[in-house]
Amino acid sequence: MSEWKAKRFWKEAAVEDADGGFTVKLDGRPVKTPAKRALILPTRPMAEVVAAEWDAQEDEIKPHLMPATRTANAAIDKVATQHAEVADMLAAYGDSDLLCYRADRPEGLVARQAEQWDPMLEWGAEEFGVRLEPRTGVIHAPQHPDALKKLSAQTHALSAFELAAFHDLVSLSGSLILGFAAAAKARPLDELWDISRLDEIWQAEQWGRDEEAEAMVAIKKTSFLHAGHMFTLCCADH
């Protein structure tokens, strides 16, 4: 027995004003989230991106081709209902931030980590008034509680939509600081992604490329870039 698949039933997807933001309607009927909540987007540009995804569907609805809609659904159905828990989980990355765990050899890798990661830690210090401290090796060494408290406050201050996008920026890069840098457009997203992949890039230079691994990385990079775009849309002109 073949699996039932949803079919396109509408002619037009349109953006309309709604209480608390903007919504997308399909032939006048508002789109709902999987949990049957109202799909209310914080900015018109974000709503237009979501509407474009619905308009792009052809005979069969393909959710994997609707990343903005998925992010919006996650923000409404998941993040908004457990905001503090999500913020705590992401803020915890600060205590084991990728940028802080350094190699002790070879010299070329040590130098490259310092060259690329130290400026990002300095950016975090200037932006938030706290500096996470690097250490050599992979054994966990706690950061100063005051630094973590300030970074946690910044994380908790994000809206549900911002936090939904921020989740991928942090979890995919392994770094709270790189997540904040991506959200603030401190550097181009492509550059920040490469900074987060420094160790893997180094290994590929030494031992050769792994096509299967690179295919997985490409998928993650696409998700990282999408998250950065969604974060920007949260703050776009209404």
C-alpha atoms as a PDB file:
ATOM      1  CA  MET A   1       0.000   0.000   0.000  1.00  0.00           C
ATOM      2  CA  SER A   2       1.528   3.313  -1.047  1.00  0.00           C
ATOM      3  CA  GLU A   3       1.968   6.111   1.478  1.00  0.00           C
ATOM      4  CA  TRP A   4      -0.521   8.950   1.186  1.00  0.00           C
ATOM      5  CA  LYS A   5       1.094  12.234   0.212  1.00  0.00           C
ATOM      6  CA  ALA A   6      -0.374  15.707   0.550  1.00  0.00           C
ATOM      7  CA  LYS A   7      -1.255  17.402  -2.697  1.00  0.00           C
ATOM      8  CA  ARG A   8      -1.378  21.081  -3.586  1.00  0.00           C
ATOM      9  CA  PHE A   9      -4.942  22.306  -3.219  1.00  0.00           C
ATOM     10  CA  TRP A  10      -4.511  26.069  -3.542  1.00  0.00           C
ATOM     11  CA  LYS A  11      -3.930  28.463  -6.384  1.00  0.00           C
ATOM     12  CA  GLU A  12      -2.258  31.341  -4.537  1.00  0.00           C
ATOM     13  CA  ALA A  13      -0.248  31.902  -1.371  1.00  0.00           C
ATOM     14  CA  ALA A  14      -0.511  35.457  -0.082  1.00  0.00           C
ATOM     15  CA  VAL A  15       0.866  37.444   2.864  1.00  0.00           C
ATOM     16  CA  GLU A  16      -1.591  39.326   5.048  1.00  0.00           C
ATOM     17  CA  ASP A  17      -1.379  41.383   8.216  1.00  0.00           C
ATOM     18  CA  ALA A  18      -2.360  39.526  11.386  1.00  0.00           C
ATOM     19  CA  ASP A  19      -2.485  40.174  15.112  1.00  0.00           C
ATOM     20  CA  GLY A  20       1.114  40.100  16.276  1.00  0.00           C
ATOM     21  CA  GLY A  21       2.693  40.069  12.832  1.00  0.00           C
ATOM     22  CA  PHE A  22       1.966  38.573   9.424  1.00  0.00           C
ATOM     23  CA  THR A  23       0.445  35.353   8.187  1.00  0.00           C
ATOM     24  CA  VAL A  24       0.339  33.355   4.978  1.00  0.00           C
ATOM     25  CA  LYS A  25      -3.008  32.416   3.460  1.00  0.00           C
ATOM     26  CA  LEU A  26      -3.686  29.808   0.811  1.00  0.00           C
ATOM     27  CA  ASP A  27      -6.647  31.022  -1.250  1.00  0.00           C
ATOM     28  CA  GLY A  28      -7.734  33.010   1.797  1.00  0.00           C
ATOM     29  CA  ARG A  29      -7.266  30.225   4.344  1.00  0.00           C
ATOM     30  CA  PRO A  30      -4.514  30.841   6.938  1.00  0.00           C
ATOM     31  CA  VAL A  31      -1.684  28.332   7.178  1.00  0.00           C
ATOM     32  CA  LYS A  32      -1.436  26.476  10.488  1.00  0.00           C
ATOM     33  CA  THR A  33       1.569  24.874  12.161  1.00  0.00           C
ATOM     34  CA  PRO A  34       1.723  21.078  12.608  1.00  0.00           C
ATOM     35  CA  ALA A  35       0.369  21.645  16.152  1.00  0.00           C
ATOM     36  CA  LYS A  36      -2.562  23.574  14.625  1.00  0.00           C
ATOM     37  CA  ARG A  37      -1.376  26.929  15.936  1.00  0.00           C
ATOM     38  CA  ALA A  38      -1.667  30.102  13.897  1.00  0.00           C
ATOM     39  CA  LEU A  39       1.383  30.653  11.710  1.00  0.00           C
ATOM     40  CA  ILE A  40       2.213  34.242  12.678  1.00  0.00           C
ATOM     41  CA  LEU A  41       5.535  35.549  11.355  1.00  0.00           C
ATOM     42  CA  PRO A  42       7.277  38.506  13.039  1.00  0.00           C
ATOM     43  CA  THR A  43       8.156  40.405   9.837  1.00  0.00           C
ATOM     44  CA  ARG A  44       6.697  40.770   6.369  1.00  0.00           C
ATOM     45  CA  PRO A  45       9.959  39.721   4.649  1.00  0.00           C
ATOM     46  CA  MET A  46       9.913  36.444   6.562  1.00  0.00           C
ATOM     47  CA  ALA A  47       6.265  35.894   5.695  1.00  0.00           C
ATOM     48  CA  GLU A  48       7.059  36.550   2.036  1.00  0.00           C
ATOM     49  CA  VAL A  49       9.794  33.899   2.081  1.00  0.00           C
ATOM     50  CA  VAL A  50       7.388  31.397   3.641  1.00  0.00           C
ATOM     51  CA  ALA A  51       4.679  32.290   1.115  1.00  0.00           C
ATOM     52  CA  ALA A  52       7.155  31.820  -1.732  1.00  0.00           C
ATOM     53  CA  GLU A  53       7.900  28.309  -0.478  1.00  0.00           C
ATOM     54  CA  TRP A  54       4.209  27.431  -0.561  1.00  0.00           C
ATOM     55  CA  ASP A  55       3.839  28.978  -3.998  1.00  0.00           C
ATOM     56  CA  ALA A  56       6.783  26.930  -5.264  1.00  0.00           C
ATOM     57  CA  GLN A  57       5.095  23.622  -4.391  1.00  0.00           C
ATOM     58  CA  GLU A  58       3.762  21.795  -7.397  1.00  0.00           C
ATOM     59  CA  ASP A  59       1.463  18.778  -7.425  1.00  0.00           C
ATOM     60  CA  GLU A  60       2.918  17.141  -4.328  1.00  0.00           C
ATOM     61  CA  ILE A  61       3.843  19.068  -1.173  1.00  0.00           C
ATOM     62  CA  LYS A  62       7.504  18.519  -0.322  1.00  0.00           C
ATOM     63  CA  PRO A  63       8.296  19.773   3.221  1.00  0.00           C
ATOM     64  CA  HIS A  64      12.050  19.262   2.733  1.00  0.00           C
ATOM     65  CA  LEU A  65      11.912  22.055   0.149  1.00  0.00           C
ATOM     66  CA  MET A  66      10.322  24.442   2.678  1.00  0.00           C
ATOM     67  CA  PRO A  67      13.104  25.241   5.191  1.00  0.00           C
ATOM     68  CA  ALA A  68      11.713  28.661   6.194  1.00  0.00           C
ATOM     69  CA  THR A  69       8.327  27.131   6.935  1.00  0.00           C
ATOM     70  CA  ARG A  70       9.977  24.411   9.025  1.00  0.00           C
ATOM     71  CA  THR A  71      11.934  26.995  11.018  1.00  0.00           C
ATOM     72  CA  ALA A  72       8.772  29.034  11.617  1.00  0.00           C
ATOM     73  CA  ASN A  73       6.907  25.924  12.748  1.00  0.00           C
ATOM     74  CA  ALA A  74       9.738  25.071  15.146  1.00  0.00           C
ATOM     75  CA  ALA A  75       9.730  28.592  16.574  1.00  0.00           C
ATOM     76  CA  ILE A  76       5.986  28.488  17.258  1.00  0.00           C
ATOM     77  CA  ASP A  77       5.399  24.862  18.226  1.00  0.00           C
ATOM     78  CA  LYS A  78       8.646  24.075  20.039  1.00  0.00           C
ATOM     79  CA  VAL A  79      10.765  27.069  21.022  1.00  0.00           C
ATOM     80  CA  ALA A  80       7.946  29.372  22.130  1.00  0.00           C
ATOM     81  CA  THR A  81       6.567  26.653  24.412  1.00  0.00           C
ATOM     82  CA  GLN A  82       9.936  25.922  26.068  1.00  0.00           C
ATOM     83  CA  HIS A  83      11.935  29.085  25.531  1.00  0.00           C
ATOM     84  CA  ALA A  84      13.919  28.952  28.776  1.00  0.00           C
ATOM     85  CA  GLU A  85      14.960  25.329  28.272  1.00  0.00           C
ATOM     86  CA  VAL A  86      16.163  25.977  24.711  1.00  0.00           C
ATOM     87  CA  ALA A  87      18.033  29.108  25.781  1.00  0.00           C
ATOM     88  CA  ASP A  88      19.717  27.236  28.641  1.00  0.00           C
ATOM     89  CA  MET A  89      20.786  24.442  26.287  1.00  0.00           C
ATOM     90  CA  LEU A  90      22.368  26.865  23.824  1.00  0.00           C
ATOM     91  CA  ALA A  91      23.973  29.069  26.483  1.00  0.00           C
ATOM     92  CA  ALA A  92      25.681  25.941  27.829  1.00  0.00           C
ATOM     93  CA  TYR A  93      27.801  25.848  24.679  1.00  0.00           C
ATOM     94  CA  GLY A  94      29.706  28.812  26.106  1.00  0.00           C
ATOM     95  CA  ASP A  95      31.274  26.602  28.754  1.00  0.00           C
ATOM     96  CA  SER A  96      32.690  24.234  26.133  1.00  0.00           C
ATOM     97  CA  ASP A  97      32.962  26.556  23.160  1.00  0.00           C
ATOM     98  CA  LEU A  98      34.758  25.165  20.127  1.00  0.00           C
ATOM     99  CA  LEU A  99      36.968  28.266  19.944  1.00  0.00           C
ATOM    100  CA  CYS A 100      38.448  27.590  23.366  1.00  0.00           C
ATOM    101  CA  TYR A 101      39.825  24.073  22.899  1.00  0.00           C
ATOM    102  CA  ARG A 102      43.201  24.238  21.185  1.00  0.00           C
ATOM    103  CA  ALA A 103      45.676  21.729  19.870  1.00  0.00           C
ATOM    104  CA  ASP A 104      49.192  21.556  21.351  1.00  0.00           C
ATOM    105  CA  ARG A 105      50.669  20.337  18.046  1.00  0.00           C
ATOM    106  CA  PRO A 106      51.519  20.447  15.194  1.00  0.00           C
ATOM    107  CA  GLU A 107      52.721  24.036  15.094  1.00  0.00           C
ATOM    108  CA  GLY A 108      50.853  24.806  11.879  1.00  0.00           C
ATOM    109  CA  LEU A 109      47.505  23.850  13.386  1.00  0.00           C
ATOM    110  CA  VAL A 110      48.251  25.677  16.631  1.00  0.00           C
ATOM    111  CA  ALA A 111      49.099  28.816  14.659  1.00  0.00           C
ATOM    112  CA  ARG A 112      46.005  28.575  12.459  1.00  0.00           C
ATOM    113  CA  GLN A 113      43.697  28.155  15.451  1.00  0.00           C
ATOM    114  CA  ALA A 114      45.205  31.216  17.079  1.00  0.00           C
ATOM    115  CA  GLU A 115      44.985  33.192  13.842  1.00  0.00           C
ATOM    116  CA  GLN A 116      41.319  32.409  13.200  1.00  0.00           C
ATOM    117  CA  TRP A 117      39.852  31.762  16.632  1.00  0.00           C
ATOM    118  CA  ASP A 118      41.524  34.445  18.785  1.00  0.00           C
ATOM    119  CA  PRO A 119      39.903  37.321  16.811  1.00  0.00           C
ATOM    120  CA  MET A 120      36.474  35.763  17.331  1.00  0.00           C
ATOM    121  CA  LEU A 121      37.042  35.537  21.084  1.00  0.00           C
ATOM    122  CA  GLU A 122      38.159  39.179  21.009  1.00  0.00           C
ATOM    123  CA  TRP A 123      34.998  40.074  19.095  1.00  0.00           C
ATOM    124  CA  GLY A 124      32.944  38.385  21.797  1.00  0.00           C
ATOM    125  CA  ALA A 125      34.823  40.321  24.467  1.00  0.00           C
ATOM    126  CA  GLU A 126      34.131  43.638  22.751  1.00  0.00           C
ATOM    127  CA  GLU A 127      30.505  42.774  22.002  1.00  0.00           C
ATOM    128  CA  PHE A 128      29.492  41.377  25.397  1.00  0.00           C
ATOM    129  CA  GLY A 129      32.150  42.572  27.803  1.00  0.00           C
ATOM    130  CA  VAL A 130      33.334  39.045  28.593  1.00  0.00           C
ATOM    131  CA  ARG A 131      36.108  36.941  27.100  1.00  0.00           C
ATOM    132  CA  LEU A 132      36.040  33.173  27.035  1.00  0.00           C
ATOM    133  CA  GLU A 133      39.508  31.812  27.763  1.00  0.00           C
ATOM    134  CA  PRO A 134      41.224  29.249  25.513  1.00  0.00           C
ATOM    135  CA  ARG A 135      42.932  26.165  26.882  1.00  0.00           C
ATOM    136  CA  THR A 136      45.087  23.419  25.410  1.00  0.00           C
ATOM    137  CA  GLY A 137      43.646  19.949  25.008  1.00  0.00           C
ATOM    138  CA  VAL A 138      40.141  18.491  25.025  1.00  0.00           C
ATOM    139  CA  ILE A 139      39.602  18.048  28.776  1.00  0.00           C
ATOM    140  CA  HIS A 140      36.825  20.343  29.948  1.00  0.00           C
ATOM    141  CA  ALA A 141      37.874  23.348  32.024  1.00  0.00           C
ATOM    142  CA  PRO A 142      35.015  25.603  33.150  1.00  0.00           C
ATOM    143  CA  GLN A 143      34.819  29.219  32.056  1.00  0.00           C
ATOM    144  CA  HIS A 144      34.329  31.988  34.609  1.00  0.00           C
ATOM    145  CA  PRO A 145      30.728  31.952  35.931  1.00  0.00           C
ATOM    146  CA  ASP A 146      30.315  35.704  35.386  1.00  0.00           C
ATOM    147  CA  ALA A 147      31.182  35.346  31.705  1.00  0.00           C
ATOM    148  CA  LEU A 148      28.731  32.488  31.277  1.00  0.00           C
ATOM    149  CA  LYS A 149      26.025  34.435  33.099  1.00  0.00           C
ATOM    150  CA  LYS A 150      26.339  37.399  30.728  1.00  0.00           C
ATOM    151  CA  LEU A 151      26.285  35.195  27.649  1.00  0.00           C
ATOM    152  CA  SER A 152      23.285  33.311  29.020  1.00  0.00           C
ATOM    153  CA  ALA A 153      21.408  36.577  29.515  1.00  0.00           C
ATOM    154  CA  GLN A 154      22.069  37.496  25.883  1.00  0.00           C
ATOM    155  CA  THR A 155      20.762  34.108  24.774  1.00  0.00           C
ATOM    156  CA  HIS A 156      17.618  34.317  26.883  1.00  0.00           C
ATOM    157  CA  ALA A 157      16.895  37.782  25.456  1.00  0.00           C
ATOM    158  CA  LEU A 158      16.338  36.352  21.966  1.00  0.00           C
ATOM    159  CA  SER A 159      12.790  35.981  20.699  1.00  0.00           C
ATOM    160  CA  ALA A 160      11.352  32.545  19.884  1.00  0.00           C
ATOM    161  CA  PHE A 161      11.978  33.067  16.164  1.00  0.00           C
ATOM    162  CA  GLU A 162      15.508  34.332  16.762  1.00  0.00           C
ATOM    163  CA  LEU A 163      16.214  31.445  19.114  1.00  0.00           C
ATOM    164  CA  ALA A 164      14.957  28.887  16.577  1.00  0.00           C
ATOM    165  CA  ALA A 165      17.474  30.168  14.027  1.00  0.00           C
ATOM    166  CA  PHE A 166      20.167  30.665  16.672  1.00  0.00           C
ATOM    167  CA  HIS A 167      19.809  27.012  17.659  1.00  0.00           C
ATOM    168  CA  ASP A 168      21.201  25.884  14.311  1.00  0.00           C
ATOM    169  CA  LEU A 169      23.878  28.579  14.207  1.00  0.00           C
ATOM    170  CA  VAL A 170      25.252  27.370  17.537  1.00  0.00           C
ATOM    171  CA  SER A 171      24.695  23.620  17.320  1.00  0.00           C
ATOM    172  CA  LEU A 172      26.061  23.299  13.782  1.00  0.00           C
ATOM    173  CA  SER A 173      29.160  25.404  14.489  1.00  0.00           C
ATOM    174  CA  GLY A 174      29.736  24.064  17.997  1.00  0.00           C
ATOM    175  CA  SER A 175      30.297  27.600  19.228  1.00  0.00           C
ATOM    176  CA  LEU A 176      28.143  30.084  21.112  1.00  0.00           C
ATOM    177  CA  ILE A 177      30.452  32.911  20.069  1.00  0.00           C
ATOM    178  CA  LEU A 178      30.300  31.992  16.379  1.00  0.00           C
ATOM    179  CA  GLY A 179      26.525  31.765  16.693  1.00  0.00           C
ATOM    180  CA  PHE A 180      26.361  35.313  18.036  1.00  0.00           C
ATOM    181  CA  ALA A 181      28.813  36.488  15.373  1.00  0.00           C
ATOM    182  CA  ALA A 182      26.625  34.991  12.640  1.00  0.00           C
ATOM    183  CA  ALA A 183      23.509  36.581  14.115  1.00  0.00           C
ATOM    184  CA  ALA A 184      25.256  39.961  14.289  1.00  0.00           C
ATOM    185  CA  LYS A 185      26.736  39.624  10.791  1.00  0.00           C
ATOM    186  CA  ALA A 186      30.166  40.205  12.297  1.00  0.00           C
ATOM    187  CA  ARG A 187      31.627  38.327   9.334  1.00  0.00           C
ATOM    188  CA  PRO A 188      30.191  36.663   6.235  1.00  0.00           C
ATOM    189  CA  LEU A 189      28.398  33.406   7.039  1.00  0.00           C
ATOM    190  CA  ASP A 190      30.618  31.413   4.681  1.00  0.00           C
ATOM    191  CA  GLU A 191      33.685  32.659   6.518  1.00  0.00           C
ATOM    192  CA  LEU A 192      32.247  31.866   9.941  1.00  0.00           C
ATOM    193  CA  TRP A 193      31.350  28.374   8.760  1.00  0.00           C
ATOM    194  CA  ASP A 194      34.914  27.775   7.582  1.00  0.00           C
ATOM    195  CA  ILE A 195      36.206  29.029  10.919  1.00  0.00           C
ATOM    196  CA  SER A 196      34.056  26.441  12.675  1.00  0.00           C
ATOM    197  CA  ARG A 197      35.433  23.707  10.371  1.00  0.00           C
ATOM    198  CA  LEU A 198      39.087  24.701  10.861  1.00  0.00           C
ATOM    199  CA  ASP A 199      40.177  21.349  12.327  1.00  0.00           C
ATOM    200  CA  GLU A 200      38.411  19.343   9.618  1.00  0.00           C
ATOM    201  CA  ILE A 201      39.869  21.540   6.878  1.00  0.00           C
ATOM    202  CA  TRP A 202      43.329  21.045   8.343  1.00  0.00           C
ATOM    203  CA  GLN A 203      42.888  17.274   8.443  1.00  0.00           C
ATOM    204  CA  ALA A 204      41.718  17.207   4.823  1.00  0.00           C
ATOM    205  CA  GLU A 205      44.808  19.176   3.808  1.00  0.00           C
ATOM    206  CA  GLN A 206      47.054  16.666   5.538  1.00  0.00           C
ATOM    207  CA  TRP A 207      45.347  13.378   4.671  1.00  0.00           C
ATOM    208  CA  GLY A 208      43.135  14.074   1.695  1.00  0.00           C
ATOM    209  CA  ARG A 209      39.445  14.641   1.155  1.00  0.00           C
ATOM    210  CA  ASP A 210      36.657  12.261   2.147  1.00  0.00           C
ATOM    211  CA  GLU A 211      33.856  12.719  -0.371  1.00  0.00           C
ATOM    212  CA  GLU A 212      31.211  11.123   1.846  1.00  0.00           C
ATOM    213  CA  ALA A 213      32.151  13.299   4.810  1.00  0.00           C
ATOM    214  CA  GLU A 214      32.237  16.391   2.611  1.00  0.00           C
ATOM    215  CA  ALA A 215      28.733  15.643   1.353  1.00  0.00           C
ATOM    216  CA  MET A 216      27.485  15.612   4.958  1.00  0.00           C
ATOM    217  CA  VAL A 217      29.340  18.840   5.702  1.00  0.00           C
ATOM    218  CA  ALA A 218      27.737  20.483   2.663  1.00  0.00           C
ATOM    219  CA  ILE A 219      24.285  19.650   4.009  1.00  0.00           C
ATOM    220  CA  LYS A 220      25.182  21.130   7.395  1.00  0.00           C
ATOM    221  CA  LYS A 221      26.609  24.237   5.773  1.00  0.00           C
ATOM    222  CA  THR A 222      23.368  24.778   3.855  1.00  0.00           C
ATOM    223  CA  SER A 223      21.463  24.560   7.143  1.00  0.00           C
ATOM    224  CA  PHE A 224      23.891  26.993   8.789  1.00  0.00           C
ATOM    225  CA  LEU A 225      23.496  29.534   5.986  1.00  0.00           C
ATOM    226  CA  HIS A 226      19.716  29.135   6.101  1.00  0.00           C
ATOM    227  CA  ALA A 227      19.722  29.757   9.866  1.00  0.00           C
ATOM    228  CA  GLY A 228      21.719  32.942   9.384  1.00  0.00           C
ATOM    229  CA  HIS A 229      19.248  34.112   6.753  1.00  0.00           C
ATOM    230  CA  MET A 230      16.281  33.339   9.002  1.00  0.00           C
ATOM    231  CA  PHE A 231      17.845  35.247  11.894  1.00  0.00           C
ATOM    232  CA  THR A 232      18.252  38.246   9.607  1.00  0.00           C
ATOM    233  CA  LEU A 233      14.610  38.010   8.534  1.00  0.00           C
ATOM    234  CA  CYS A 234      13.565  38.206  12.188  1.00  0.00           C
ATOM    235  CA  CYS A 235      14.981  41.729  12.286  1.00  0.00           C
ATOM    236  CA  ALA A 236      14.048  42.795   8.751  1.00  0.00           C
ATOM    237  CA  ASP A 237      11.923  45.858   8.125  1.00  0.00           C
ATOM    238  CA  HIS A 238       8.298  45.104   8.869  1.00  0.00           C
END
